N, C-alpha and C. Protein backbone atom coordinates (compact mmCIF):
# COMPACT_ATOMS: atom_id res chain seq x y z
N MET A 1 -7.79 2.59 23.87
CA MET A 1 -7.53 2.42 25.54
C MET A 1 -6.81 1.55 25.77
N LYS A 2 -6.65 0.39 24.51
CA LYS A 2 -5.01 -0.20 24.66
C LYS A 2 -4.04 -0.35 25.15
N ILE A 3 -3.53 1.15 24.74
CA ILE A 3 -2.34 1.71 25.23
C ILE A 3 -2.65 2.69 26.16
N VAL A 4 -3.54 2.70 27.33
CA VAL A 4 -3.65 3.02 28.32
C VAL A 4 -3.72 1.73 28.99
N ILE A 5 -3.90 0.43 28.53
CA ILE A 5 -4.29 -0.36 29.90
C ILE A 5 -2.29 -0.84 29.44
N TYR A 6 -1.93 -0.77 28.55
CA TYR A 6 -0.28 -1.35 27.91
C TYR A 6 0.75 -0.65 28.47
N VAL A 7 1.00 0.64 28.75
CA VAL A 7 1.35 1.09 30.19
C VAL A 7 1.34 0.91 31.75
N MET A 8 0.04 0.74 30.99
CA MET A 8 -0.05 0.62 32.56
C MET A 8 0.85 -0.35 33.60
N ILE A 9 0.39 -2.01 32.47
CA ILE A 9 1.46 -3.09 32.50
C ILE A 9 2.86 -3.00 32.61
N LEU A 10 3.54 -2.27 31.42
CA LEU A 10 4.06 -1.88 31.38
C LEU A 10 4.85 -0.58 32.90
N SER A 11 3.64 -0.04 33.57
CA SER A 11 4.79 1.05 34.36
C SER A 11 5.00 -0.23 35.59
N MET A 12 4.01 -1.57 35.83
CA MET A 12 3.51 -1.78 36.92
C MET A 12 5.03 -3.50 36.71
N LEU A 13 5.20 -3.40 35.59
CA LEU A 13 6.84 -4.51 35.94
C LEU A 13 7.79 -4.30 36.04
N LEU A 14 7.38 -2.64 35.38
CA LEU A 14 9.23 -0.98 36.28
C LEU A 14 8.95 -1.81 37.14
N SER A 15 7.67 -1.45 37.60
CA SER A 15 7.76 -1.24 39.45
C SER A 15 8.11 -2.26 40.24
N SER A 16 7.69 -3.06 39.72
CA SER A 16 8.11 -4.55 40.80
C SER A 16 9.41 -5.08 40.23
N ALA A 17 10.60 -4.48 38.97
CA ALA A 17 11.40 -4.80 38.31
C ALA A 17 12.00 -3.90 39.78
N LEU A 18 12.41 -2.86 40.01
CA LEU A 18 12.20 -1.78 40.59
C LEU A 18 12.79 -2.10 42.57
N ALA A 19 11.41 -2.69 42.67
CA ALA A 19 11.03 -3.60 44.11
C ALA A 19 11.62 -4.79 43.82
N GLY A 20 12.52 -5.39 42.65
CA GLY A 20 13.20 -6.70 42.78
C GLY A 20 14.19 -6.45 43.29
N ALA A 21 14.93 -5.71 42.42
CA ALA A 21 16.69 -4.40 42.19
C ALA A 21 17.12 -3.86 43.35
N SER A 22 15.94 -3.72 43.90
CA SER A 22 16.50 -2.91 45.68
C SER A 22 16.33 -3.99 46.42
N PHE A 23 15.41 -4.65 46.43
CA PHE A 23 15.76 -6.15 47.85
C PHE A 23 16.93 -7.13 47.60
N PHE A 24 17.88 -6.91 46.18
CA PHE A 24 18.60 -7.63 45.81
C PHE A 24 19.44 -7.89 46.49
N LEU A 25 19.28 -5.58 46.22
CA LEU A 25 21.28 -4.82 46.05
C LEU A 25 21.56 -4.24 48.15
């Protein structure tokens, strides 16, 4: 179950990073 939570947090961080990059670009 820890891996599922880890993947969820990782995908959330990745999506937020992509949103920030698209905002600055």
